Amino acid sequence: MSLVQIVVIYLIIINILGFFAMGLDKHQAKMGNRRIPENTLFGFTLLGGGIGTITGMYVFRHKTKKLKFKIGMPLILILEILIFIYFKYII
């Protein structure tokens, strides 16, 4: 298995986890149960799961009114894409 394949599999898994973390947190909020910490949700985004967490945010209508999520998660994703482009094409 090549490095590219490993990275693609990793990104698929972290995005799925981020998506379901947003859904689980929304469900826990509705039930009044213990919630997933916001730092953990941001952690999924920082680890490369930005597409999953942002998609989950809007699919589950969760945290969409919180400015730090509405702006922060897409900003992290954009920065990660720019860093990838920098290392892929400039270095």
C-alpha atoms as a PDB file:
ATOM      1  CA  MET A   1       0.000   0.000   0.000  1.00  0.00           C
ATOM      2  CA  SER A   2       1.437   3.365  -1.021  1.00  0.00           C
ATOM      3  CA  LEU A   3       1.681   6.453   1.160  1.00  0.00           C
ATOM      4  CA  VAL A   4      -0.960   8.189  -0.956  1.00  0.00           C
ATOM      5  CA  GLN A   5      -3.400   5.309  -0.393  1.00  0.00           C
ATOM      6  CA  ILE A   6      -2.745   5.394   3.358  1.00  0.00           C
ATOM      7  CA  VAL A   7      -3.349   9.152   3.488  1.00  0.00           C
ATOM      8  CA  VAL A   8      -6.572   8.849   1.479  1.00  0.00           C
ATOM      9  CA  ILE A   9      -7.870   6.075   3.763  1.00  0.00           C
ATOM     10  CA  TYR A  10      -6.921   8.136   6.821  1.00  0.00           C
ATOM     11  CA  LEU A  11      -8.738  11.213   5.481  1.00  0.00           C
ATOM     12  CA  ILE A  12     -11.852   9.179   4.695  1.00  0.00           C
ATOM     13  CA  ILE A  13     -11.895   7.699   8.199  1.00  0.00           C
ATOM     14  CA  ILE A  14     -11.254  11.011  10.044  1.00  0.00           C
ATOM     15  CA  ASN A  15     -13.959  12.752   8.006  1.00  0.00           C
ATOM     16  CA  ILE A  16     -16.483   9.994   8.723  1.00  0.00           C
ATOM     17  CA  LEU A  17     -15.619  10.196  12.422  1.00  0.00           C
ATOM     18  CA  GLY A  18     -15.981  13.988  12.379  1.00  0.00           C
ATOM     19  CA  PHE A  19     -19.338  13.759  10.641  1.00  0.00           C
ATOM     20  CA  PHE A  20     -20.711  11.238  13.115  1.00  0.00           C
ATOM     21  CA  ALA A  21     -19.253  13.147  16.084  1.00  0.00           C
ATOM     22  CA  MET A  22     -21.346  16.158  15.087  1.00  0.00           C
ATOM     23  CA  GLY A  23     -24.414  13.944  14.760  1.00  0.00           C
ATOM     24  CA  LEU A  24     -23.797  12.244  18.094  1.00  0.00           C
ATOM     25  CA  ASP A  25     -23.266  15.572  19.852  1.00  0.00           C
ATOM     26  CA  LYS A  26     -26.521  16.898  18.396  1.00  0.00           C
ATOM     27  CA  HIS A  27     -28.334  13.767  19.551  1.00  0.00           C
ATOM     28  CA  GLN A  28     -26.803  14.044  23.034  1.00  0.00           C
ATOM     29  CA  ALA A  29     -27.878  17.699  23.199  1.00  0.00           C
ATOM     30  CA  LYS A  30     -31.470  16.791  22.317  1.00  0.00           C
ATOM     31  CA  MET A  31     -31.513  14.037  24.965  1.00  0.00           C
ATOM     32  CA  GLY A  32     -29.926  16.248  27.619  1.00  0.00           C
ATOM     33  CA  ASN A  33     -27.014  13.821  27.980  1.00  0.00           C
ATOM     34  CA  ARG A  34     -23.281  14.342  28.322  1.00  0.00           C
ATOM     35  CA  ARG A  35     -21.912  16.181  25.279  1.00  0.00           C
ATOM     36  CA  ILE A  36     -18.788  15.896  23.177  1.00  0.00           C
ATOM     37  CA  PRO A  37     -16.431  18.757  24.131  1.00  0.00           C
ATOM     38  CA  GLU A  38     -16.129  21.504  21.529  1.00  0.00           C
ATOM     39  CA  ASN A  39     -12.348  21.061  21.526  1.00  0.00           C
ATOM     40  CA  THR A  40     -12.845  17.455  20.443  1.00  0.00           C
ATOM     41  CA  LEU A  41     -15.065  18.543  17.557  1.00  0.00           C
ATOM     42  CA  PHE A  42     -12.415  21.069  16.512  1.00  0.00           C
ATOM     43  CA  GLY A  43      -9.809  18.328  16.946  1.00  0.00           C
ATOM     44  CA  PHE A  44     -11.431  16.262  14.212  1.00  0.00           C
ATOM     45  CA  THR A  45     -11.204  19.292  11.929  1.00  0.00           C
ATOM     46  CA  LEU A  46      -7.561  19.960  12.831  1.00  0.00           C
ATOM     47  CA  LEU A  47      -6.676  16.327  12.151  1.00  0.00           C
ATOM     48  CA  GLY A  48      -7.963  16.598   8.574  1.00  0.00           C
ATOM     49  CA  GLY A  49     -11.673  15.952   9.104  1.00  0.00           C
ATOM     50  CA  GLY A  50     -12.875  19.400   8.111  1.00  0.00           C
ATOM     51  CA  ILE A  51     -15.110  18.250   5.295  1.00  0.00           C
ATOM     52  CA  GLY A  52     -16.817  15.715   7.566  1.00  0.00           C
ATOM     53  CA  THR A  53     -17.318  18.041  10.524  1.00  0.00           C
ATOM     54  CA  ILE A  54     -18.555  20.922   8.387  1.00  0.00           C
ATOM     55  CA  THR A  55     -20.925  18.620   6.494  1.00  0.00           C
ATOM     56  CA  GLY A  56     -22.154  17.179   9.799  1.00  0.00           C
ATOM     57  CA  MET A  57     -22.636  20.672  11.165  1.00  0.00           C
ATOM     58  CA  TYR A  58     -25.105  21.515   8.405  1.00  0.00           C
ATOM     59  CA  VAL A  59     -26.712  18.092   7.933  1.00  0.00           C
ATOM     60  CA  PHE A  60     -27.539  17.867  11.643  1.00  0.00           C
ATOM     61  CA  ARG A  61     -28.064  21.646  12.001  1.00  0.00           C
ATOM     62  CA  HIS A  62     -25.668  21.636  14.903  1.00  0.00           C
ATOM     63  CA  LYS A  63     -23.492  24.533  16.075  1.00  0.00           C
ATOM     64  CA  THR A  64     -24.433  26.544  12.976  1.00  0.00           C
ATOM     65  CA  LYS A  65     -25.264  29.622  15.046  1.00  0.00           C
ATOM     66  CA  LYS A  66     -21.960  29.590  16.923  1.00  0.00           C
ATOM     67  CA  LEU A  67     -19.622  31.989  15.145  1.00  0.00           C
ATOM     68  CA  LYS A  68     -16.486  30.112  16.178  1.00  0.00           C
ATOM     69  CA  PHE A  69     -17.820  26.996  14.434  1.00  0.00           C
ATOM     70  CA  LYS A  70     -19.362  28.790  11.462  1.00  0.00           C
ATOM     71  CA  ILE A  71     -16.097  30.603  10.715  1.00  0.00           C
ATOM     72  CA  GLY A  72     -13.494  28.536  12.556  1.00  0.00           C
ATOM     73  CA  MET A  73     -14.028  25.155  10.939  1.00  0.00           C
ATOM     74  CA  PRO A  74     -14.029  26.400   7.334  1.00  0.00           C
ATOM     75  CA  LEU A  75     -11.004  28.576   8.126  1.00  0.00           C
ATOM     76  CA  ILE A  76      -9.085  25.565   9.453  1.00  0.00           C
ATOM     77  CA  LEU A  77     -10.039  23.570   6.350  1.00  0.00           C
ATOM     78  CA  ILE A  78      -8.906  26.375   4.031  1.00  0.00           C
ATOM     79  CA  LEU A  79      -5.596  26.706   5.876  1.00  0.00           C
ATOM     80  CA  GLU A  80      -5.010  22.955   5.636  1.00  0.00           C
ATOM     81  CA  ILE A  81      -5.695  23.040   1.898  1.00  0.00           C
ATOM     82  CA  LEU A  82      -3.297  25.971   1.457  1.00  0.00           C
ATOM     83  CA  ILE A  83      -0.604  24.161   3.452  1.00  0.00           C
ATOM     84  CA  PHE A  84      -1.110  21.055   1.298  1.00  0.00           C
ATOM     85  CA  ILE A  85      -0.818  23.120  -1.894  1.00  0.00           C
ATOM     86  CA  TYR A  86       2.298  24.835  -0.558  1.00  0.00           C
ATOM     87  CA  PHE A  87       4.071  21.561   0.200  1.00  0.00           C
ATOM     88  CA  LYS A  88       2.821  19.819  -2.933  1.00  0.00           C
ATOM     89  CA  TYR A  89       3.627  22.465  -5.525  1.00  0.00           C
ATOM     90  CA  ILE A  90       6.001  25.022  -4.045  1.00  0.00           C
ATOM     91  CA  ILE A  91       8.500  22.908  -2.157  1.00  0.00           C
END
